N, C-alpha and C. Protein backbone atom coordinates (compact mmCIF):
# COMPACT_ATOMS: atom_id res chain seq x y z
N MET A 1 7.28 3.87 -6.53
CA MET A 1 7.77 5.17 -6.15
C MET A 1 6.62 6.17 -6.00
N LYS A 2 5.63 6.08 -6.89
CA LYS A 2 4.50 7.01 -6.83
C LYS A 2 3.76 6.93 -5.49
N PRO A 3 3.49 5.71 -4.97
CA PRO A 3 2.81 5.64 -3.67
C PRO A 3 3.59 6.33 -2.55
N LEU A 4 4.91 6.23 -2.57
CA LEU A 4 5.72 6.90 -1.55
C LEU A 4 5.53 8.41 -1.63
N PHE A 5 5.52 8.95 -2.84
CA PHE A 5 5.30 10.39 -3.00
C PHE A 5 3.92 10.80 -2.49
N VAL A 6 2.91 10.01 -2.82
CA VAL A 6 1.55 10.31 -2.34
C VAL A 6 1.53 10.31 -0.81
N LEU A 7 2.11 9.30 -0.20
CA LEU A 7 2.13 9.18 1.25
C LEU A 7 2.79 10.39 1.91
N ILE A 8 3.97 10.74 1.45
CA ILE A 8 4.73 11.84 2.07
C ILE A 8 4.07 13.19 1.81
N ILE A 9 3.63 13.44 0.58
CA ILE A 9 3.02 14.74 0.26
C ILE A 9 1.75 14.96 1.06
N VAL A 10 0.90 13.94 1.14
CA VAL A 10 -0.35 14.09 1.91
C VAL A 10 -0.04 14.28 3.39
N TYR A 11 0.92 13.52 3.91
CA TYR A 11 1.29 13.65 5.32
C TYR A 11 1.78 15.06 5.64
N VAL A 12 2.71 15.56 4.85
CA VAL A 12 3.26 16.89 5.09
C VAL A 12 2.18 17.96 4.93
N ALA A 13 1.33 17.83 3.92
CA ALA A 13 0.26 18.81 3.71
C ALA A 13 -0.71 18.82 4.89
N LEU A 14 -1.06 17.65 5.40
CA LEU A 14 -1.98 17.60 6.54
C LEU A 14 -1.35 18.18 7.80
N LEU A 15 -0.07 17.92 8.00
CA LEU A 15 0.61 18.52 9.15
C LEU A 15 0.68 20.03 9.02
N ALA A 16 0.96 20.49 7.82
CA ALA A 16 1.13 21.93 7.60
C ALA A 16 -0.19 22.69 7.65
N PHE A 17 -1.24 22.09 7.13
CA PHE A 17 -2.51 22.81 7.00
C PHE A 17 -3.66 22.18 7.77
N GLY A 18 -3.37 21.18 8.61
CA GLY A 18 -4.42 20.45 9.31
C GLY A 18 -5.13 21.22 10.40
N GLY A 19 -4.46 22.15 11.03
CA GLY A 19 -5.10 22.97 12.05
C GLY A 19 -5.36 22.26 13.36
N HIS A 20 -4.64 21.18 13.66
CA HIS A 20 -4.82 20.50 14.95
C HIS A 20 -4.14 21.31 16.05
N THR A 21 -4.72 21.25 17.23
CA THR A 21 -4.20 22.04 18.34
C THR A 21 -3.00 21.39 19.01
N THR A 22 -2.88 20.08 18.93
CA THR A 22 -1.71 19.41 19.51
C THR A 22 -0.98 18.64 18.42
N PHE A 23 0.34 18.63 18.50
CA PHE A 23 1.13 17.95 17.47
C PHE A 23 0.82 16.47 17.42
N ASP A 24 0.75 15.81 18.58
CA ASP A 24 0.55 14.36 18.58
C ASP A 24 -0.76 13.98 17.91
N LYS A 25 -1.84 14.70 18.25
CA LYS A 25 -3.13 14.39 17.65
C LYS A 25 -3.09 14.63 16.14
N GLY A 26 -2.50 15.74 15.74
CA GLY A 26 -2.39 16.05 14.32
C GLY A 26 -1.47 15.09 13.59
N ASN A 27 -0.41 14.67 14.25
CA ASN A 27 0.55 13.74 13.67
C ASN A 27 -0.11 12.38 13.42
N ILE A 28 -0.82 11.86 14.40
CA ILE A 28 -1.51 10.57 14.25
C ILE A 28 -2.57 10.67 13.16
N PHE A 29 -3.35 11.75 13.18
CA PHE A 29 -4.37 11.97 12.15
C PHE A 29 -3.71 12.00 10.76
N ALA A 30 -2.68 12.82 10.62
CA ALA A 30 -2.02 12.97 9.32
C ALA A 30 -1.42 11.65 8.85
N GLY A 31 -0.80 10.91 9.75
CA GLY A 31 -0.19 9.63 9.37
C GLY A 31 -1.20 8.62 8.87
N ASN A 32 -2.35 8.56 9.54
CA ASN A 32 -3.38 7.60 9.13
C ASN A 32 -4.10 8.03 7.87
N ILE A 33 -4.42 9.30 7.75
CA ILE A 33 -5.09 9.77 6.54
C ILE A 33 -4.16 9.66 5.34
N ALA A 34 -2.88 9.99 5.53
CA ALA A 34 -1.92 9.87 4.42
C ALA A 34 -1.83 8.42 3.94
N MET A 35 -1.76 7.48 4.87
CA MET A 35 -1.72 6.07 4.49
C MET A 35 -3.02 5.69 3.78
N GLY A 36 -4.14 6.19 4.27
CA GLY A 36 -5.43 5.91 3.62
C GLY A 36 -5.49 6.43 2.20
N VAL A 37 -5.00 7.64 1.99
CA VAL A 37 -4.99 8.21 0.63
C VAL A 37 -4.06 7.39 -0.27
N MET A 38 -2.91 7.00 0.27
CA MET A 38 -2.00 6.17 -0.52
C MET A 38 -2.66 4.84 -0.89
N LEU A 39 -3.38 4.25 0.05
CA LEU A 39 -4.07 2.99 -0.23
C LEU A 39 -5.15 3.16 -1.30
N LEU A 40 -5.86 4.28 -1.25
CA LEU A 40 -6.87 4.54 -2.29
C LEU A 40 -6.18 4.70 -3.65
N PHE A 41 -5.04 5.37 -3.65
CA PHE A 41 -4.27 5.55 -4.88
C PHE A 41 -3.82 4.19 -5.43
N THR A 42 -3.29 3.34 -4.57
CA THR A 42 -2.83 2.03 -5.05
C THR A 42 -3.99 1.12 -5.42
N ALA A 43 -5.13 1.28 -4.75
CA ALA A 43 -6.31 0.47 -5.07
C ALA A 43 -6.77 0.73 -6.50
N ILE A 44 -6.64 1.96 -6.96
CA ILE A 44 -7.03 2.29 -8.34
C ILE A 44 -6.27 1.39 -9.32
N GLY A 45 -4.99 1.17 -9.05
CA GLY A 45 -4.19 0.31 -9.91
C GLY A 45 -4.70 -1.11 -9.99
N HIS A 46 -5.30 -1.59 -8.91
CA HIS A 46 -5.83 -2.95 -8.90
C HIS A 46 -6.98 -3.12 -9.87
N PHE A 47 -7.67 -2.04 -10.18
CA PHE A 47 -8.79 -2.10 -11.12
C PHE A 47 -8.34 -1.68 -12.53
N LYS A 48 -7.48 -0.68 -12.60
CA LYS A 48 -7.01 -0.17 -13.90
C LYS A 48 -6.05 -1.15 -14.57
N PHE A 49 -5.18 -1.79 -13.79
CA PHE A 49 -4.16 -2.68 -14.34
C PHE A 49 -4.35 -4.13 -13.88
N LYS A 50 -5.60 -4.56 -13.72
CA LYS A 50 -5.84 -5.86 -13.10
C LYS A 50 -5.20 -7.02 -13.85
N THR A 51 -5.20 -6.99 -15.17
CA THR A 51 -4.60 -8.09 -15.93
C THR A 51 -3.09 -8.13 -15.74
N SER A 52 -2.45 -6.97 -15.83
CA SER A 52 -1.00 -6.91 -15.63
C SER A 52 -0.63 -7.28 -14.19
N MET A 53 -1.42 -6.80 -13.24
CA MET A 53 -1.14 -7.11 -11.84
C MET A 53 -1.35 -8.60 -11.56
N ALA A 54 -2.28 -9.22 -12.27
CA ALA A 54 -2.51 -10.66 -12.09
C ALA A 54 -1.26 -11.46 -12.46
N ALA A 55 -0.47 -10.93 -13.38
CA ALA A 55 0.76 -11.62 -13.78
C ALA A 55 1.81 -11.61 -12.67
N MET A 56 1.63 -10.76 -11.67
CA MET A 56 2.55 -10.70 -10.53
C MET A 56 2.37 -11.89 -9.59
N ILE A 57 1.26 -12.58 -9.72
CA ILE A 57 0.94 -13.70 -8.84
C ILE A 57 1.51 -14.98 -9.44
N PRO A 58 2.20 -15.79 -8.63
CA PRO A 58 2.82 -17.02 -9.16
C PRO A 58 1.83 -17.91 -9.91
N LEU A 59 2.35 -18.63 -10.88
CA LEU A 59 1.53 -19.44 -11.79
C LEU A 59 0.65 -20.46 -11.09
N PHE A 60 1.11 -21.03 -9.98
CA PHE A 60 0.36 -22.11 -9.34
C PHE A 60 -0.88 -21.61 -8.58
N ILE A 61 -1.03 -20.31 -8.44
CA ILE A 61 -2.18 -19.76 -7.71
C ILE A 61 -3.30 -19.46 -8.71
N PRO A 62 -4.50 -20.03 -8.49
CA PRO A 62 -5.61 -19.79 -9.42
C PRO A 62 -6.32 -18.46 -9.14
N LYS A 63 -7.19 -18.08 -10.05
CA LYS A 63 -8.07 -16.91 -9.92
C LYS A 63 -7.27 -15.63 -9.64
N LYS A 64 -6.29 -15.40 -10.44
CA LYS A 64 -5.39 -14.26 -10.23
C LYS A 64 -6.11 -12.91 -10.33
N VAL A 65 -6.93 -12.73 -11.36
CA VAL A 65 -7.63 -11.45 -11.53
C VAL A 65 -8.55 -11.20 -10.34
N GLU A 66 -9.23 -12.23 -9.89
CA GLU A 66 -10.12 -12.09 -8.73
C GLU A 66 -9.33 -11.70 -7.48
N ILE A 67 -8.14 -12.26 -7.33
CA ILE A 67 -7.28 -11.91 -6.18
C ILE A 67 -6.86 -10.45 -6.27
N VAL A 68 -6.51 -10.00 -7.46
CA VAL A 68 -6.12 -8.59 -7.65
C VAL A 68 -7.28 -7.67 -7.29
N ILE A 69 -8.47 -7.99 -7.75
CA ILE A 69 -9.64 -7.18 -7.43
C ILE A 69 -9.91 -7.21 -5.93
N LEU A 70 -9.84 -8.39 -5.32
CA LEU A 70 -10.06 -8.52 -3.88
C LEU A 70 -9.06 -7.67 -3.09
N THR A 71 -7.79 -7.71 -3.48
CA THR A 71 -6.80 -6.92 -2.75
C THR A 71 -7.03 -5.43 -2.96
N GLY A 72 -7.55 -5.04 -4.11
CA GLY A 72 -7.92 -3.64 -4.32
C GLY A 72 -9.05 -3.22 -3.39
N VAL A 73 -10.05 -4.09 -3.26
CA VAL A 73 -11.16 -3.82 -2.34
C VAL A 73 -10.65 -3.76 -0.90
N LEU A 74 -9.75 -4.68 -0.55
CA LEU A 74 -9.17 -4.65 0.80
C LEU A 74 -8.44 -3.34 1.07
N GLU A 75 -7.71 -2.84 0.08
CA GLU A 75 -7.01 -1.57 0.27
C GLU A 75 -7.99 -0.43 0.52
N ILE A 76 -9.12 -0.44 -0.15
CA ILE A 76 -10.15 0.58 0.09
C ILE A 76 -10.70 0.44 1.51
N LEU A 77 -10.96 -0.79 1.93
CA LEU A 77 -11.47 -1.02 3.29
C LEU A 77 -10.44 -0.63 4.34
N PHE A 78 -9.17 -0.91 4.08
CA PHE A 78 -8.11 -0.48 5.01
C PHE A 78 -8.08 1.04 5.12
N ALA A 79 -8.23 1.73 4.00
CA ALA A 79 -8.22 3.20 4.01
C ALA A 79 -9.36 3.73 4.88
N ILE A 80 -10.53 3.12 4.75
CA ILE A 80 -11.68 3.53 5.57
C ILE A 80 -11.40 3.21 7.04
N GLY A 81 -10.91 2.02 7.31
CA GLY A 81 -10.63 1.61 8.69
C GLY A 81 -9.62 2.49 9.39
N LEU A 82 -8.61 2.97 8.67
CA LEU A 82 -7.61 3.85 9.28
C LEU A 82 -8.19 5.23 9.59
N ALA A 83 -9.20 5.63 8.87
CA ALA A 83 -9.80 6.95 9.08
C ALA A 83 -10.73 6.99 10.29
N ILE A 84 -11.11 5.84 10.80
CA ILE A 84 -12.04 5.75 11.93
C ILE A 84 -11.25 5.34 13.17
N ALA A 85 -11.23 6.21 14.16
CA ALA A 85 -10.40 5.97 15.36
C ALA A 85 -10.71 4.63 16.03
N SER A 86 -11.98 4.26 16.10
CA SER A 86 -12.36 3.04 16.82
C SER A 86 -11.95 1.76 16.07
N THR A 87 -11.68 1.84 14.79
CA THR A 87 -11.28 0.65 14.03
C THR A 87 -9.80 0.68 13.64
N ARG A 88 -9.13 1.76 13.97
CA ARG A 88 -7.75 1.99 13.51
C ARG A 88 -6.78 0.90 13.97
N TYR A 89 -6.85 0.50 15.23
CA TYR A 89 -5.91 -0.48 15.77
C TYR A 89 -6.01 -1.81 15.04
N LEU A 90 -7.22 -2.37 14.95
CA LEU A 90 -7.39 -3.66 14.27
C LEU A 90 -7.10 -3.55 12.78
N THR A 91 -7.47 -2.42 12.19
CA THR A 91 -7.14 -2.21 10.78
C THR A 91 -5.63 -2.18 10.59
N GLY A 92 -4.93 -1.53 11.50
CA GLY A 92 -3.48 -1.46 11.42
C GLY A 92 -2.84 -2.84 11.49
N ILE A 93 -3.31 -3.66 12.39
CA ILE A 93 -2.77 -5.03 12.49
C ILE A 93 -3.05 -5.80 11.20
N ALA A 94 -4.28 -5.71 10.71
CA ALA A 94 -4.64 -6.40 9.46
C ALA A 94 -3.80 -5.88 8.29
N LEU A 95 -3.55 -4.58 8.26
CA LEU A 95 -2.77 -4.00 7.16
C LEU A 95 -1.31 -4.45 7.22
N ILE A 96 -0.76 -4.56 8.40
CA ILE A 96 0.61 -5.08 8.53
C ILE A 96 0.69 -6.52 8.01
N ILE A 97 -0.28 -7.33 8.38
CA ILE A 97 -0.33 -8.71 7.88
C ILE A 97 -0.46 -8.71 6.35
N PHE A 98 -1.29 -7.83 5.83
CA PHE A 98 -1.47 -7.70 4.39
C PHE A 98 -0.16 -7.34 3.70
N TYR A 99 0.57 -6.36 4.25
CA TYR A 99 1.84 -5.95 3.65
C TYR A 99 2.86 -7.09 3.66
N ILE A 100 2.84 -7.89 4.71
CA ILE A 100 3.74 -9.05 4.75
C ILE A 100 3.31 -10.08 3.71
N ALA A 101 1.99 -10.28 3.59
CA ALA A 101 1.46 -11.30 2.68
C ALA A 101 1.70 -10.98 1.21
N ILE A 102 1.70 -9.70 0.85
CA ILE A 102 1.85 -9.35 -0.58
C ILE A 102 3.31 -9.23 -1.02
N LEU A 103 4.23 -9.23 -0.09
CA LEU A 103 5.64 -9.09 -0.46
C LEU A 103 6.11 -10.19 -1.42
N PRO A 104 5.72 -11.46 -1.22
CA PRO A 104 6.15 -12.48 -2.19
C PRO A 104 5.71 -12.19 -3.63
N ALA A 105 4.54 -11.59 -3.81
CA ALA A 105 4.10 -11.24 -5.17
C ALA A 105 5.01 -10.19 -5.78
N ASN A 106 5.46 -9.24 -4.97
CA ASN A 106 6.38 -8.22 -5.47
C ASN A 106 7.74 -8.83 -5.81
N ILE A 107 8.18 -9.79 -5.01
CA ILE A 107 9.45 -10.46 -5.29
C ILE A 107 9.33 -11.29 -6.58
N TYR A 108 8.22 -12.01 -6.72
CA TYR A 108 7.97 -12.80 -7.92
C TYR A 108 7.95 -11.89 -9.16
N ALA A 109 7.27 -10.77 -9.06
CA ALA A 109 7.17 -9.84 -10.20
C ALA A 109 8.54 -9.29 -10.58
N ALA A 110 9.34 -8.96 -9.59
CA ALA A 110 10.68 -8.43 -9.87
C ALA A 110 11.55 -9.52 -10.51
N LYS A 111 11.48 -10.71 -9.96
CA LYS A 111 12.29 -11.82 -10.48
C LYS A 111 11.95 -12.12 -11.94
N HIS A 112 10.67 -11.97 -12.30
CA HIS A 112 10.22 -12.28 -13.66
C HIS A 112 10.05 -11.03 -14.53
N ARG A 113 10.55 -9.89 -14.04
CA ARG A 113 10.52 -8.62 -14.78
C ARG A 113 9.11 -8.25 -15.26
N ILE A 114 8.13 -8.41 -14.38
CA ILE A 114 6.75 -8.09 -14.72
C ILE A 114 6.50 -6.61 -14.44
N ASN A 115 5.96 -5.94 -15.42
CA ASN A 115 5.59 -4.53 -15.30
C ASN A 115 4.09 -4.50 -15.01
N TYR A 116 3.70 -4.09 -13.81
CA TYR A 116 2.28 -4.17 -13.45
C TYR A 116 1.41 -3.16 -14.20
N GLU A 117 2.01 -2.18 -14.84
CA GLU A 117 1.23 -1.21 -15.61
C GLU A 117 1.11 -1.60 -17.08
N ASN A 118 2.02 -2.44 -17.57
CA ASN A 118 2.02 -2.79 -18.99
C ASN A 118 2.74 -4.13 -19.18
N LEU A 119 1.98 -5.15 -19.52
CA LEU A 119 2.57 -6.49 -19.70
C LEU A 119 3.53 -6.55 -20.88
N TYR A 120 3.42 -5.62 -21.81
CA TYR A 120 4.23 -5.66 -23.02
C TYR A 120 5.58 -4.97 -22.87
N LYS A 121 5.81 -4.37 -21.72
CA LYS A 121 7.10 -3.75 -21.43
C LYS A 121 7.68 -4.46 -20.21
N PRO A 122 8.96 -4.80 -20.24
CA PRO A 122 9.54 -5.49 -19.07
C PRO A 122 9.64 -4.57 -17.87
N GLY A 123 9.47 -5.15 -16.70
CA GLY A 123 9.64 -4.42 -15.45
C GLY A 123 11.12 -4.24 -15.14
N PRO A 124 11.43 -3.55 -14.06
CA PRO A 124 12.82 -3.24 -13.73
C PRO A 124 13.65 -4.45 -13.29
N GLY A 125 13.00 -5.54 -12.95
CA GLY A 125 13.74 -6.74 -12.57
C GLY A 125 14.17 -6.74 -11.11
N PRO A 126 15.08 -7.65 -10.76
CA PRO A 126 15.48 -7.81 -9.35
C PRO A 126 16.04 -6.55 -8.69
N LYS A 127 16.63 -5.64 -9.46
CA LYS A 127 17.15 -4.41 -8.84
C LYS A 127 16.03 -3.60 -8.16
N TYR A 128 14.79 -3.78 -8.63
CA TYR A 128 13.65 -3.10 -8.02
C TYR A 128 13.49 -3.48 -6.55
N LEU A 129 13.92 -4.68 -6.19
CA LEU A 129 13.78 -5.14 -4.81
C LEU A 129 14.61 -4.31 -3.84
N TRP A 130 15.67 -3.66 -4.33
CA TRP A 130 16.47 -2.77 -3.47
C TRP A 130 15.64 -1.59 -2.99
N PHE A 131 14.61 -1.24 -3.75
CA PHE A 131 13.66 -0.22 -3.31
C PHE A 131 12.46 -0.86 -2.62
N ARG A 132 11.89 -1.89 -3.23
CA ARG A 132 10.61 -2.42 -2.78
C ARG A 132 10.65 -3.02 -1.38
N ILE A 133 11.65 -3.81 -1.08
CA ILE A 133 11.70 -4.45 0.25
C ILE A 133 11.86 -3.40 1.35
N PRO A 134 12.79 -2.45 1.25
CA PRO A 134 12.85 -1.40 2.28
C PRO A 134 11.56 -0.58 2.33
N PHE A 135 10.94 -0.34 1.17
CA PHE A 135 9.68 0.41 1.15
C PHE A 135 8.59 -0.36 1.89
N GLN A 136 8.54 -1.67 1.67
CA GLN A 136 7.54 -2.49 2.36
C GLN A 136 7.76 -2.43 3.87
N LEU A 137 9.02 -2.51 4.30
CA LEU A 137 9.33 -2.40 5.73
C LEU A 137 8.96 -1.01 6.26
N PHE A 138 9.20 0.01 5.46
CA PHE A 138 8.82 1.37 5.82
C PHE A 138 7.30 1.48 6.01
N LEU A 139 6.53 0.89 5.10
CA LEU A 139 5.06 0.91 5.22
C LEU A 139 4.60 0.20 6.49
N ILE A 140 5.21 -0.94 6.78
CA ILE A 140 4.87 -1.68 8.00
C ILE A 140 5.18 -0.84 9.23
N ALA A 141 6.35 -0.22 9.26
CA ALA A 141 6.73 0.63 10.39
C ALA A 141 5.79 1.83 10.51
N TRP A 142 5.42 2.40 9.39
CA TRP A 142 4.49 3.55 9.38
C TRP A 142 3.16 3.16 10.02
N VAL A 143 2.60 2.05 9.56
CA VAL A 143 1.31 1.60 10.09
C VAL A 143 1.43 1.28 11.58
N TRP A 144 2.51 0.62 11.96
CA TRP A 144 2.69 0.32 13.38
C TRP A 144 2.75 1.61 14.19
N TYR A 145 3.54 2.58 13.75
CA TYR A 145 3.72 3.82 14.50
C TYR A 145 2.43 4.63 14.60
N PHE A 146 1.73 4.80 13.50
CA PHE A 146 0.57 5.68 13.48
C PHE A 146 -0.74 4.99 13.86
N SER A 147 -0.82 3.67 13.74
CA SER A 147 -2.11 3.00 13.93
C SER A 147 -2.15 1.97 15.05
N VAL A 148 -1.02 1.34 15.35
CA VAL A 148 -1.05 0.20 16.27
C VAL A 148 -0.47 0.52 17.64
N ARG A 149 0.64 1.18 17.71
CA ARG A 149 1.35 1.36 18.99
C ARG A 149 0.51 2.02 20.06
């Protein structure tokens, strides 16, 4: 839920105070920068909660902590790529693939009630997927609209 708030607040603030002369240019700028800020926000979690986030990865996959760190680094690189007009399109495609690829980890975490911020407290469980799956689709649509189309 926090990433959604970051995304929307940054987007609205940039539209309101961005000072762009045309709506379309300001809208595209705001959409990409807002996604970038959200990615930086979520990347922090990959380093702060790396052990708990590693538990979100199915048991049969090795090097879980390394994968969590790698995905955090990827999120930082995606944020940078979205901020640069010449790399935005390819970054957008890569980010959409990334969002599709990480969805199974979110489903696994919900199914096993994993709390990515604290392993000692249970997560919300499968009901979380009623938010997470539509949110993931929303993120994919956002990236497509602002970065790829």
